[in-house]
Amino acid sequence: MGAKKNWKVKTFTTELKIFQTIKELKTLDDKVNRFIAENKVKKVISVSDTTTTDNTGATIGLIRVLTYEA
């Protein structure tokens, strides 16, 4: 068997507002990239996005999950 991997998961969130989505996604990208740089992430395993909705089904937020090797 190979060496044991030290994988970690970090979750980021952002609110999405109508007509501001591009700006909010850029801010979220910057937040994730800053985390990767500041924490000296060796390897990104996966990045996954999912939306959150209100009671009408409208998208109101985004959750980004980063799995990485520390």
Protein backbone atom coordinates (compact mmCIF):
# COMPACT_ATOMS: atom_id res chain seq x y z
CA MET A 1 0.00 0.00 0.00
CA GLY A 2 1.10 3.56 -0.71
CA ALA A 3 1.53 6.42 1.70
CA LYS A 4 -1.58 7.71 3.44
CA LYS A 5 -2.94 10.90 1.83
CA ASN A 6 -3.83 13.91 3.97
CA TRP A 7 -6.90 15.27 2.20
CA LYS A 8 -8.89 18.16 3.64
CA VAL A 9 -12.13 19.88 2.68
CA LYS A 10 -12.89 23.63 2.82
CA THR A 11 -16.29 25.16 2.10
CA PHE A 12 -16.87 28.68 0.74
CA THR A 13 -20.21 30.43 0.27
CA THR A 14 -21.55 33.50 -1.46
CA GLU A 15 -24.90 35.16 -1.86
CA LEU A 16 -26.07 35.68 -5.44
CA LYS A 17 -27.92 38.87 -6.32
CA ILE A 18 -29.61 39.58 -9.60
CA PHE A 19 -27.37 41.40 -12.12
CA GLN A 20 -24.31 40.98 -9.87
CA THR A 21 -23.54 37.30 -10.40
CA ILE A 22 -20.36 37.81 -12.45
CA LYS A 23 -18.89 40.04 -9.72
CA GLU A 24 -19.88 37.62 -6.96
CA LEU A 25 -18.37 34.64 -8.81
CA LYS A 26 -15.12 36.58 -9.33
CA THR A 27 -15.05 37.42 -5.60
CA LEU A 28 -15.61 33.75 -4.74
CA ASP A 29 -12.82 32.68 -7.14
CA ASP A 30 -10.49 35.21 -5.50
CA LYS A 31 -11.40 33.94 -2.02
CA VAL A 32 -10.64 30.33 -3.01
CA ASN A 33 -7.38 31.25 -4.77
CA ARG A 34 -6.27 33.30 -1.76
CA PHE A 35 -7.00 30.33 0.53
CA ILE A 36 -4.94 28.03 -1.72
CA ALA A 37 -1.98 30.44 -1.73
CA GLU A 38 -2.08 31.34 1.98
CA ASN A 39 -2.38 27.71 3.08
CA LYS A 40 0.28 26.45 0.67
CA VAL A 41 -2.07 23.84 -0.78
CA LYS A 42 0.07 21.19 -2.49
CA LYS A 43 -2.58 19.68 -4.73
CA VAL A 44 -6.23 20.41 -5.49
CA ILE A 45 -8.20 17.16 -5.68
CA SER A 46 -11.58 18.62 -6.66
CA VAL A 47 -13.70 21.75 -6.74
CA SER A 48 -17.47 21.44 -6.72
CA ASP A 49 -20.24 24.05 -6.83
CA THR A 50 -23.87 23.73 -5.86
CA THR A 51 -26.60 26.31 -5.53
CA THR A 52 -28.91 27.19 -2.68
CA THR A 53 -32.50 28.22 -3.34
CA ASP A 54 -35.30 30.05 -1.59
CA ASN A 55 -38.82 28.71 -1.04
CA THR A 56 -39.79 29.66 -4.63
CA GLY A 57 -36.91 27.71 -6.15
CA ALA A 58 -34.95 30.83 -7.14
CA THR A 59 -31.18 30.54 -6.82
CA ILE A 60 -29.97 32.76 -3.98
CA GLY A 61 -26.51 31.46 -3.19
CA LEU A 62 -23.59 29.26 -4.13
CA ILE A 63 -21.62 26.76 -2.09
CA ARG A 64 -18.13 25.85 -3.35
CA VAL A 65 -16.34 22.86 -1.84
CA LEU A 66 -12.59 22.50 -2.28
CA THR A 67 -10.91 19.14 -1.57
CA TYR A 68 -7.16 19.43 -1.34
CA GLU A 69 -4.00 17.72 -0.21
CA ALA A 70 -2.29 19.46 2.69
